[in-house]
Amino acid sequence: MLLIAALALLVWYAVEVLLLVFAGILLAVFLLGLTVGLSRRTGLGENWSLAVVGLTLLLVTCGAVWWLAPSVAAQADELRRSLPESLRQAESWLALTINNEG
């Protein structure tokens, strides 16, 4: 029973590390699948296929950030402008609620 409790405590404290290891394994399986598929279809070696897959994923990620950044920046600016007024409205509503109940 003590061994089970110790193991449970160890898992509880190591959950972030275990999740990171699991994410790494998932990423490795994903990259391996893309690499092997590209290698079979093109005849490239697996090392070159991994380089092409990595570069392609990097370019797709950079392109997505470049495409989405203006929209996200505009939304963040709108939030920055509207947040103080929303906070004032919430404070006044809370004050009215507390005064009506008290």
Protein backbone atom coordinates (compact mmCIF):
# COMPACT_ATOMS: atom_id res chain seq x y z
CA MET A 1 0.00 0.00 0.00
CA LEU A 2 2.87 2.35 0.84
CA LEU A 3 4.46 1.60 -2.52
CA ILE A 4 1.26 2.55 -4.35
CA ALA A 5 0.99 5.78 -2.38
CA ALA A 6 4.62 6.63 -3.11
CA LEU A 7 4.12 5.91 -6.81
CA ALA A 8 0.98 8.06 -6.88
CA LEU A 9 2.86 10.90 -5.20
CA LEU A 10 5.71 10.58 -7.67
CA VAL A 11 3.31 10.70 -10.63
CA TRP A 12 1.52 13.71 -9.10
CA TYR A 13 4.77 15.67 -8.85
CA ALA A 14 6.14 14.50 -12.19
CA VAL A 15 2.99 15.07 -14.25
CA GLU A 16 4.45 18.07 -16.11
CA VAL A 17 7.55 16.11 -17.06
CA LEU A 18 5.44 13.15 -18.15
CA LEU A 19 3.26 15.40 -20.31
CA LEU A 20 6.36 16.92 -21.89
CA VAL A 21 7.76 13.46 -22.64
CA PHE A 22 4.41 12.40 -24.13
CA ALA A 23 4.30 15.53 -26.31
CA GLY A 24 7.83 14.79 -27.49
CA ILE A 25 6.87 11.25 -28.42
CA LEU A 26 3.83 12.49 -30.34
CA LEU A 27 5.97 15.02 -32.21
CA ALA A 28 8.53 12.34 -33.06
CA VAL A 29 5.83 10.00 -34.40
CA PHE A 30 4.33 12.85 -36.44
CA LEU A 31 7.70 13.80 -37.94
CA LEU A 32 8.61 10.17 -38.60
CA GLY A 33 5.34 9.56 -40.43
CA LEU A 34 5.82 12.59 -42.66
CA THR A 35 9.48 11.76 -43.24
CA VAL A 36 8.90 8.13 -44.20
CA GLY A 37 5.99 9.06 -46.45
CA LEU A 38 8.04 11.70 -48.26
CA SER A 39 11.02 9.36 -48.54
CA ARG A 40 8.89 6.63 -50.13
CA ARG A 41 7.22 8.96 -52.61
CA THR A 42 10.32 10.88 -53.70
CA GLY A 43 13.16 8.43 -53.24
CA LEU A 44 15.04 10.89 -51.02
CA GLY A 45 16.95 9.53 -48.07
CA GLU A 46 15.29 9.79 -44.68
CA ASN A 47 17.73 12.46 -43.49
CA TRP A 48 16.98 14.69 -46.47
CA SER A 49 13.27 13.97 -46.15
CA LEU A 50 13.37 15.02 -42.49
CA ALA A 51 15.14 18.24 -43.49
CA VAL A 52 12.48 18.97 -46.13
CA VAL A 53 9.66 18.19 -43.68
CA GLY A 54 11.22 20.39 -41.00
CA LEU A 55 11.78 23.28 -43.39
CA THR A 56 8.26 22.95 -44.78
CA LEU A 57 6.72 22.97 -41.32
CA LEU A 58 8.83 26.00 -40.38
CA LEU A 59 7.76 27.89 -43.51
CA VAL A 60 4.08 27.00 -42.98
CA THR A 61 4.28 28.17 -39.37
CA CYS A 62 5.99 31.44 -40.33
CA GLY A 63 3.44 32.02 -43.08
CA ALA A 64 0.55 31.44 -40.71
CA VAL A 65 2.01 33.86 -38.16
CA TRP A 66 2.62 36.46 -40.90
CA TRP A 67 -0.94 36.04 -42.17
CA LEU A 68 -2.64 36.10 -38.75
CA ALA A 69 -0.49 38.68 -36.94
CA PRO A 70 -2.30 41.82 -38.22
CA SER A 71 -5.69 40.43 -37.18
CA VAL A 72 -4.46 39.40 -33.73
CA ALA A 73 -2.77 42.78 -33.25
CA ALA A 74 -5.96 44.63 -34.20
CA GLN A 75 -8.01 42.53 -31.78
CA ALA A 76 -5.49 43.09 -28.99
CA ASP A 77 -5.60 46.83 -29.63
CA GLU A 78 -9.40 46.81 -29.53
CA LEU A 79 -9.32 44.84 -26.28
CA ARG A 80 -6.83 47.31 -24.81
CA ARG A 81 -9.13 50.20 -25.71
CA SER A 82 -12.39 48.62 -24.53
CA LEU A 83 -11.18 46.91 -21.36
CA PRO A 84 -11.15 49.98 -19.06
CA GLU A 85 -14.77 50.83 -19.90
CA SER A 86 -15.84 47.23 -19.42
CA LEU A 87 -14.08 47.19 -16.07
CA ARG A 88 -15.90 50.37 -15.00
CA GLN A 89 -19.23 48.85 -16.02
CA ALA A 90 -18.49 45.68 -14.07
CA GLU A 91 -17.50 47.70 -10.99
CA SER A 92 -20.68 49.77 -11.13
CA TRP A 93 -22.83 46.66 -11.59
CA LEU A 94 -21.10 44.99 -8.66
CA ALA A 95 -21.56 48.09 -6.49
CA LEU A 96 -25.28 48.21 -7.34
CA THR A 97 -25.66 44.50 -6.63
CA ILE A 98 -23.94 44.77 -3.27
CA ASN A 99 -25.93 47.89 -2.30
CA ASN A 100 -29.26 46.24 -3.23
CA GLU A 101 -28.50 43.12 -1.23
CA GLY A 102 -27.04 44.90 1.79
